[in-house]
C-alpha atoms as a PDB file:
ATOM      1  CA  MET A   1     -28.099  43.682  21.939  1.00  0.00           C
ATOM      2  CA  SER A   2     -25.241  45.777  20.513  1.00  0.00           C
ATOM      3  CA  THR A   3     -24.862  47.729  17.314  1.00  0.00           C
ATOM      4  CA  VAL A   4     -21.596  47.406  15.415  1.00  0.00           C
ATOM      5  CA  THR A   5     -19.882  50.726  14.637  1.00  0.00           C
ATOM      6  CA  GLU A   6     -18.196  51.642  11.361  1.00  0.00           C
ATOM      7  CA  LYS A   7     -14.893  50.545  12.938  1.00  0.00           C
ATOM      8  CA  GLY A   8     -16.322  47.079  13.721  1.00  0.00           C
ATOM      9  CA  GLN A   9     -16.627  47.790  17.443  1.00  0.00           C
ATOM     10  CA  ALA A  10     -19.495  46.575  19.618  1.00  0.00           C
ATOM     11  CA  THR A  11     -20.253  46.964  23.310  1.00  0.00           C
ATOM     12  CA  ILE A  12     -20.318  43.785  25.380  1.00  0.00           C
ATOM     13  CA  PRO A  13     -23.523  43.948  27.428  1.00  0.00           C
ATOM     14  CA  LYS A  14     -23.022  44.590  31.153  1.00  0.00           C
ATOM     15  CA  ASN A  15     -24.593  41.321  32.291  1.00  0.00           C
ATOM     16  CA  ILE A  16     -22.122  39.357  30.124  1.00  0.00           C
ATOM     17  CA  ARG A  17     -19.169  41.488  31.330  1.00  0.00           C
ATOM     18  CA  ASP A  18     -20.264  40.838  34.915  1.00  0.00           C
ATOM     19  CA  ILE A  19     -20.590  37.070  34.412  1.00  0.00           C
ATOM     20  CA  LEU A  20     -17.179  36.820  32.706  1.00  0.00           C
ATOM     21  CA  GLY A  21     -15.573  39.338  35.064  1.00  0.00           C
ATOM     22  CA  ILE A  22     -14.487  41.562  32.169  1.00  0.00           C
ATOM     23  CA  LEU A  23     -13.084  44.904  33.332  1.00  0.00           C
ATOM     24  CA  PRO A  24     -11.736  47.900  31.367  1.00  0.00           C
ATOM     25  CA  GLY A  25      -8.377  46.987  29.856  1.00  0.00           C
ATOM     26  CA  ASP A  26      -9.022  43.233  29.866  1.00  0.00           C
ATOM     27  CA  GLU A  27      -8.388  41.303  26.673  1.00  0.00           C
ATOM     28  CA  VAL A  28     -11.059  39.132  25.087  1.00  0.00           C
ATOM     29  CA  GLU A  29     -10.889  36.605  22.286  1.00  0.00           C
ATOM     30  CA  PHE A  30     -13.614  35.712  19.824  1.00  0.00           C
ATOM     31  CA  ASP A  31     -14.317  32.375  18.169  1.00  0.00           C
ATOM     32  CA  ILE A  32     -17.009  30.950  15.908  1.00  0.00           C
ATOM     33  CA  GLU A  33     -18.855  27.708  16.675  1.00  0.00           C
ATOM     34  CA  GLU A  34     -21.787  26.598  14.537  1.00  0.00           C
ATOM     35  CA  ASN A  35     -22.581  30.142  13.302  1.00  0.00           C
ATOM     36  CA  HIS A  36     -22.403  31.581  16.826  1.00  0.00           C
ATOM     37  CA  ALA A  37     -19.796  34.023  18.113  1.00  0.00           C
ATOM     38  CA  ILE A  38     -18.169  32.990  21.386  1.00  0.00           C
ATOM     39  CA  VAL A  39     -16.337  35.516  23.569  1.00  0.00           C
ATOM     40  CA  TYR A  40     -13.607  34.447  26.003  1.00  0.00           C
ATOM     41  CA  LYS A  41     -11.922  36.546  28.667  1.00  0.00           C
ATOM     42  CA  MET A  42      -8.172  36.095  28.346  1.00  0.00           C
ATOM     43  CA  GLU A  43      -6.128  35.374  31.436  1.00  0.00           C
ATOM     44  CA  LYS A  44      -4.023  38.342  32.511  1.00  0.00           C
ATOM     45  CA  LYS A  45      -0.315  37.891  32.029  1.00  0.00           C
ATOM     46  CA  MET A  46       2.059  39.452  34.459  1.00  0.00           C
ATOM     47  CA  PRO A  47       3.842  42.464  32.912  1.00  0.00           C
ATOM     48  CA  TRP A  48       7.234  40.786  33.167  1.00  0.00           C
ATOM     49  CA  GLU A  49       6.118  37.554  31.436  1.00  0.00           C
ATOM     50  CA  LYS A  50       7.156  38.895  28.031  1.00  0.00           C
ATOM     51  CA  TRP A  51      10.724  39.163  29.336  1.00  0.00           C
ATOM     52  CA  ARG A  52      10.902  35.609  30.738  1.00  0.00           C
ATOM     53  CA  GLY A  53      14.134  34.007  29.551  1.00  0.00           C
ATOM     54  CA  TYR A  54      15.257  37.166  27.746  1.00  0.00           C
ATOM     55  CA  LEU A  55      18.158  38.010  30.037  1.00  0.00           C
ATOM     56  CA  GLY A  56      19.459  34.458  29.809  1.00  0.00           C
ATOM     57  CA  LYS A  57      20.622  35.260  26.283  1.00  0.00           C
ATOM     58  CA  PHE A  58      23.324  37.616  27.568  1.00  0.00           C
ATOM     59  CA  PRO A  59      26.229  37.031  29.942  1.00  0.00           C
ATOM     60  CA  THR A  60      25.709  38.636  33.364  1.00  0.00           C
ATOM     61  CA  LYS A  61      28.902  40.701  33.031  1.00  0.00           C
ATOM     62  CA  LYS A  62      27.673  42.294  29.791  1.00  0.00           C
ATOM     63  CA  ILE A  63      24.325  43.196  31.378  1.00  0.00           C
ATOM     64  CA  MET A  64      25.991  44.705  34.454  1.00  0.00           C
ATOM     65  CA  ASP A  65      28.426  46.731  32.287  1.00  0.00           C
ATOM     66  CA  GLU A  66      25.517  48.191  30.299  1.00  0.00           C
ATOM     67  CA  LEU A  67      23.557  49.048  33.456  1.00  0.00           C
ATOM     68  CA  ARG A  68      26.504  51.008  34.898  1.00  0.00           C
END
């Protein structure tokens, strides 16, 4: 059992963290199904995923000129 803080925070019990493999820094998502809260561990994205396709918007010459 957890108690919700004034900021709306609650501790996920250790046995649930262990089963889901939740570690410090991991992201979790919450959902509601039939008046029950469901917690999901989010898959880790690689740090460079947010940049996928970004460089394709600029010509290579322009990128190289700015890097120099």
